[in-house]
Amino acid sequence: MYVVGGTIREMEPDGLVQLRGGGLRERAMAGAAASAMNESLSAAQERGEKLAQVGDKAENLAHEADEFASLAKQLRRQQEGGFFGGLFG
């Protein structure tokens, strides 16, 4: 425990400083900081979810592109094969 500016401060086990008998201004500042931190965490979580969705869409798009390429090759072979579409050779 120690005193800074007439306010008794106590070190918590996790290393954070807790105000004891602190003024209204300090508590308001701490509340505003906690609120800003919560908003930042929420925004970061939202960004993470959006990035995951974009990743899923990119993976799906890549799979569909592979399917399209395969079908395009198959169609080309059929067209090059003549009248019966390459079924006999």
N, C-alpha and C. Protein backbone atom coordinates (compact mmCIF):
# COMPACT_ATOMS: atom_id res chain seq x y z
N MET A 1 0.84 -1.17 0.00
CA MET A 1 0.00 0.00 0.00
C MET A 1 0.89 1.24 0.00
N TYR A 2 0.47 2.27 -0.73
CA TYR A 2 1.22 3.51 -0.76
C TYR A 2 0.26 4.65 -1.02
N VAL A 3 0.73 5.86 -0.78
CA VAL A 3 -0.11 7.05 -0.90
C VAL A 3 0.44 7.94 -2.01
N VAL A 4 -0.46 8.36 -2.91
CA VAL A 4 -0.09 9.29 -3.98
C VAL A 4 -1.13 10.38 -3.99
N GLY A 5 -0.71 11.60 -3.76
CA GLY A 5 -1.63 12.73 -3.80
C GLY A 5 -2.77 12.62 -2.83
N GLY A 6 -2.55 12.03 -1.70
CA GLY A 6 -3.59 11.90 -0.70
C GLY A 6 -4.52 10.72 -0.92
N THR A 7 -4.28 9.94 -1.96
CA THR A 7 -5.11 8.77 -2.24
C THR A 7 -4.33 7.52 -1.90
N ILE A 8 -4.95 6.64 -1.17
CA ILE A 8 -4.31 5.39 -0.80
C ILE A 8 -4.47 4.42 -1.96
N ARG A 9 -3.35 3.90 -2.41
CA ARG A 9 -3.37 2.94 -3.52
C ARG A 9 -2.82 1.61 -3.02
N GLU A 10 -3.39 0.56 -3.55
CA GLU A 10 -3.00 -0.76 -3.12
C GLU A 10 -2.70 -1.61 -4.34
N MET A 11 -1.61 -2.34 -4.30
CA MET A 11 -1.23 -3.19 -5.42
C MET A 11 -2.00 -4.50 -5.31
N GLU A 12 -2.67 -4.87 -6.38
CA GLU A 12 -3.43 -6.12 -6.42
C GLU A 12 -2.49 -7.27 -6.76
N PRO A 13 -2.90 -8.52 -6.50
CA PRO A 13 -2.03 -9.67 -6.80
C PRO A 13 -1.63 -9.75 -8.27
N ASP A 14 -2.47 -9.28 -9.18
CA ASP A 14 -2.13 -9.35 -10.60
C ASP A 14 -1.29 -8.17 -11.07
N GLY A 15 -0.89 -7.29 -10.15
CA GLY A 15 -0.03 -6.18 -10.48
C GLY A 15 -0.77 -4.90 -10.80
N LEU A 16 -2.08 -4.93 -10.84
CA LEU A 16 -2.85 -3.73 -11.10
C LEU A 16 -2.98 -2.89 -9.84
N VAL A 17 -3.15 -1.61 -10.01
CA VAL A 17 -3.30 -0.71 -8.87
C VAL A 17 -4.78 -0.45 -8.67
N GLN A 18 -5.24 -0.62 -7.45
CA GLN A 18 -6.64 -0.37 -7.13
C GLN A 18 -6.72 0.87 -6.25
N LEU A 19 -7.65 1.75 -6.56
CA LEU A 19 -7.82 2.97 -5.78
C LEU A 19 -8.60 2.68 -4.51
N ARG A 20 -8.15 3.23 -3.44
CA ARG A 20 -8.87 3.12 -2.15
C ARG A 20 -9.19 4.54 -1.71
N GLY A 21 -10.44 4.86 -1.65
CA GLY A 21 -10.83 6.21 -1.23
C GLY A 21 -10.50 7.25 -2.27
N GLY A 22 -10.36 6.84 -3.53
CA GLY A 22 -10.01 7.76 -4.61
C GLY A 22 -11.13 8.74 -4.89
N GLY A 23 -10.79 9.81 -5.52
CA GLY A 23 -11.75 10.84 -5.83
C GLY A 23 -12.68 10.45 -6.97
N LEU A 24 -13.70 11.24 -7.13
CA LEU A 24 -14.70 11.01 -8.16
C LEU A 24 -14.07 11.12 -9.56
N ARG A 25 -13.14 12.03 -9.70
CA ARG A 25 -12.49 12.23 -11.00
C ARG A 25 -11.73 10.98 -11.42
N GLU A 26 -10.97 10.39 -10.51
CA GLU A 26 -10.20 9.19 -10.82
C GLU A 26 -11.11 8.04 -11.19
N ARG A 27 -12.22 7.92 -10.45
CA ARG A 27 -13.16 6.83 -10.74
C ARG A 27 -13.82 7.03 -12.10
N ALA A 28 -14.13 8.27 -12.43
CA ALA A 28 -14.74 8.57 -13.72
C ALA A 28 -13.75 8.25 -14.85
N MET A 29 -12.49 8.61 -14.65
CA MET A 29 -11.47 8.32 -15.65
C MET A 29 -11.29 6.82 -15.83
N ALA A 30 -11.29 6.10 -14.72
CA ALA A 30 -11.15 4.64 -14.77
C ALA A 30 -12.35 4.02 -15.48
N GLY A 31 -13.53 4.54 -15.20
CA GLY A 31 -14.73 4.04 -15.86
C GLY A 31 -14.71 4.31 -17.36
N ALA A 32 -14.25 5.49 -17.74
CA ALA A 32 -14.15 5.83 -19.17
C ALA A 32 -13.12 4.95 -19.86
N ALA A 33 -12.02 4.69 -19.19
CA ALA A 33 -10.98 3.83 -19.78
C ALA A 33 -11.51 2.41 -19.95
N ALA A 34 -12.22 1.92 -18.94
CA ALA A 34 -12.79 0.57 -19.02
C ALA A 34 -13.82 0.49 -20.15
N SER A 35 -14.62 1.52 -20.30
CA SER A 35 -15.62 1.56 -21.36
C SER A 35 -14.95 1.56 -22.74
N ALA A 36 -13.92 2.37 -22.89
CA ALA A 36 -13.19 2.42 -24.16
C ALA A 36 -12.54 1.08 -24.47
N MET A 37 -12.00 0.44 -23.45
CA MET A 37 -11.38 -0.86 -23.64
C MET A 37 -12.42 -1.90 -24.08
N ASN A 38 -13.58 -1.89 -23.45
CA ASN A 38 -14.64 -2.82 -23.83
C ASN A 38 -15.10 -2.59 -25.26
N GLU A 39 -15.22 -1.33 -25.66
CA GLU A 39 -15.60 -1.02 -27.04
C GLU A 39 -14.54 -1.51 -28.02
N SER A 40 -13.28 -1.32 -27.66
CA SER A 40 -12.19 -1.79 -28.53
C SER A 40 -12.19 -3.30 -28.65
N LEU A 41 -12.40 -4.00 -27.55
CA LEU A 41 -12.45 -5.46 -27.58
C LEU A 41 -13.62 -5.95 -28.42
N SER A 42 -14.75 -5.29 -28.28
CA SER A 42 -15.93 -5.65 -29.06
C SER A 42 -15.68 -5.44 -30.55
N ALA A 43 -15.08 -4.31 -30.89
CA ALA A 43 -14.78 -4.01 -32.29
C ALA A 43 -13.77 -5.03 -32.85
N ALA A 44 -12.78 -5.41 -32.06
CA ALA A 44 -11.79 -6.38 -32.50
C ALA A 44 -12.44 -7.74 -32.74
N GLN A 45 -13.35 -8.13 -31.86
CA GLN A 45 -14.05 -9.40 -32.02
C GLN A 45 -14.91 -9.37 -33.28
N GLU A 46 -15.57 -8.26 -33.52
CA GLU A 46 -16.40 -8.11 -34.72
C GLU A 46 -15.54 -8.21 -35.99
N ARG A 47 -14.37 -7.55 -35.97
CA ARG A 47 -13.45 -7.63 -37.11
C ARG A 47 -13.00 -9.07 -37.34
N GLY A 48 -12.72 -9.77 -36.24
CA GLY A 48 -12.30 -11.17 -36.36
C GLY A 48 -13.38 -12.03 -36.99
N GLU A 49 -14.63 -11.81 -36.60
CA GLU A 49 -15.73 -12.57 -37.18
C GLU A 49 -15.88 -12.26 -38.67
N LYS A 50 -15.74 -10.98 -39.04
CA LYS A 50 -15.85 -10.61 -40.44
C LYS A 50 -14.70 -11.21 -41.25
N LEU A 51 -13.50 -11.23 -40.68
CA LEU A 51 -12.36 -11.83 -41.37
C LEU A 51 -12.58 -13.33 -41.57
N ALA A 52 -13.16 -13.99 -40.58
CA ALA A 52 -13.46 -15.41 -40.71
C ALA A 52 -14.47 -15.65 -41.83
N GLN A 53 -15.47 -14.78 -41.91
CA GLN A 53 -16.47 -14.91 -42.98
C GLN A 53 -15.82 -14.70 -44.35
N VAL A 54 -14.95 -13.71 -44.46
CA VAL A 54 -14.26 -13.47 -45.73
C VAL A 54 -13.39 -14.67 -46.09
N GLY A 55 -12.73 -15.24 -45.11
CA GLY A 55 -11.91 -16.43 -45.35
C GLY A 55 -12.75 -17.60 -45.86
N ASP A 56 -13.91 -17.81 -45.25
CA ASP A 56 -14.80 -18.88 -45.70
C ASP A 56 -15.27 -18.64 -47.13
N LYS A 57 -15.62 -17.39 -47.44
CA LYS A 57 -16.06 -17.06 -48.80
C LYS A 57 -14.93 -17.26 -49.81
N ALA A 58 -13.72 -16.89 -49.44
CA ALA A 58 -12.57 -17.06 -50.33
C ALA A 58 -12.31 -18.54 -50.59
N GLU A 59 -12.43 -19.35 -49.56
CA GLU A 59 -12.23 -20.79 -49.71
C GLU A 59 -13.30 -21.38 -50.63
N ASN A 60 -14.55 -20.96 -50.45
CA ASN A 60 -15.64 -21.42 -51.30
C ASN A 60 -15.42 -20.99 -52.75
N LEU A 61 -15.00 -19.76 -52.95
CA LEU A 61 -14.73 -19.24 -54.29
C LEU A 61 -13.62 -20.04 -54.97
N ALA A 62 -12.58 -20.37 -54.24
CA ALA A 62 -11.48 -21.15 -54.81
C ALA A 62 -11.97 -22.54 -55.22
N HIS A 63 -12.82 -23.14 -54.39
CA HIS A 63 -13.37 -24.46 -54.72
C HIS A 63 -14.23 -24.38 -55.99
N GLU A 64 -15.07 -23.35 -56.07
CA GLU A 64 -15.91 -23.19 -57.25
C GLU A 64 -15.08 -22.89 -58.50
N ALA A 65 -13.99 -22.17 -58.36
CA ALA A 65 -13.11 -21.90 -59.50
C ALA A 65 -12.47 -23.20 -59.99
N ASP A 66 -12.07 -24.07 -59.07
CA ASP A 66 -11.51 -25.37 -59.46
C ASP A 66 -12.54 -26.20 -60.21
N GLU A 67 -13.78 -26.19 -59.73
CA GLU A 67 -14.86 -26.92 -60.41
C GLU A 67 -15.10 -26.36 -61.81
N PHE A 68 -15.11 -25.04 -61.92
CA PHE A 68 -15.31 -24.40 -63.22
C PHE A 68 -14.20 -24.79 -64.19
N ALA A 69 -12.96 -24.77 -63.74
CA ALA A 69 -11.83 -25.13 -64.59
C ALA A 69 -11.95 -26.58 -65.05
N SER A 70 -12.36 -27.46 -64.15
CA SER A 70 -12.52 -28.87 -64.49
C SER A 70 -13.61 -29.06 -65.55
N LEU A 71 -14.73 -28.38 -65.36
CA LEU A 71 -15.83 -28.46 -66.32
C LEU A 71 -15.43 -27.86 -67.67
N ALA A 72 -14.67 -26.78 -67.65
CA ALA A 72 -14.21 -26.16 -68.89
C ALA A 72 -13.29 -27.11 -69.66
N LYS A 73 -12.41 -27.82 -68.98
CA LYS A 73 -11.52 -28.79 -69.63
C LYS A 73 -12.34 -29.93 -70.22
N GLN A 74 -13.33 -30.39 -69.44
CA GLN A 74 -14.18 -31.48 -69.91
C GLN A 74 -14.94 -31.04 -71.17
N LEU A 75 -15.48 -29.84 -71.19
CA LEU A 75 -16.20 -29.33 -72.34
C LEU A 75 -15.28 -29.20 -73.55
N ARG A 76 -14.06 -28.72 -73.35
CA ARG A 76 -13.10 -28.58 -74.44
C ARG A 76 -12.79 -29.94 -75.05
N ARG A 77 -12.58 -30.95 -74.20
CA ARG A 77 -12.31 -32.30 -74.69
C ARG A 77 -13.48 -32.83 -75.52
N GLN A 78 -14.69 -32.55 -75.04
CA GLN A 78 -15.87 -33.01 -75.77
C GLN A 78 -15.98 -32.32 -77.12
N GLN A 79 -15.68 -31.06 -77.17
CA GLN A 79 -15.79 -30.31 -78.43
C GLN A 79 -14.69 -30.70 -79.41
N GLU A 80 -13.54 -31.07 -78.89
CA GLU A 80 -12.43 -31.49 -79.75
C GLU A 80 -12.62 -32.92 -80.24
N GLY A 81 -13.48 -33.65 -79.60
CA GLY A 81 -13.65 -35.06 -79.92
C GLY A 81 -14.48 -35.35 -81.14
N GLY A 82 -15.09 -34.38 -81.73
CA GLY A 82 -15.86 -34.62 -82.95
C GLY A 82 -17.35 -34.71 -82.68
N PHE A 83 -18.03 -35.38 -83.60
CA PHE A 83 -19.49 -35.42 -83.61
C PHE A 83 -20.07 -36.03 -82.33
N PHE A 84 -19.46 -37.09 -81.82
CA PHE A 84 -20.01 -37.76 -80.64
C PHE A 84 -19.43 -37.21 -79.34
N GLY A 85 -18.78 -36.07 -79.39
CA GLY A 85 -18.29 -35.39 -78.20
C GLY A 85 -17.17 -36.12 -77.49
N GLY A 86 -16.39 -36.87 -78.22
CA GLY A 86 -15.26 -37.55 -77.62
C GLY A 86 -15.63 -38.76 -76.81
N LEU A 87 -16.83 -39.29 -77.01
CA LEU A 87 -17.25 -40.45 -76.24
C LEU A 87 -16.56 -41.74 -76.67
N PHE A 88 -16.07 -41.76 -77.91
CA PHE A 88 -15.50 -43.00 -78.44
C PHE A 88 -14.00 -42.88 -78.73
N GLY A 89 -13.36 -42.07 -78.00
CA GLY A 89 -11.94 -42.01 -78.31
C GLY A 89 -11.33 -40.85 -77.77
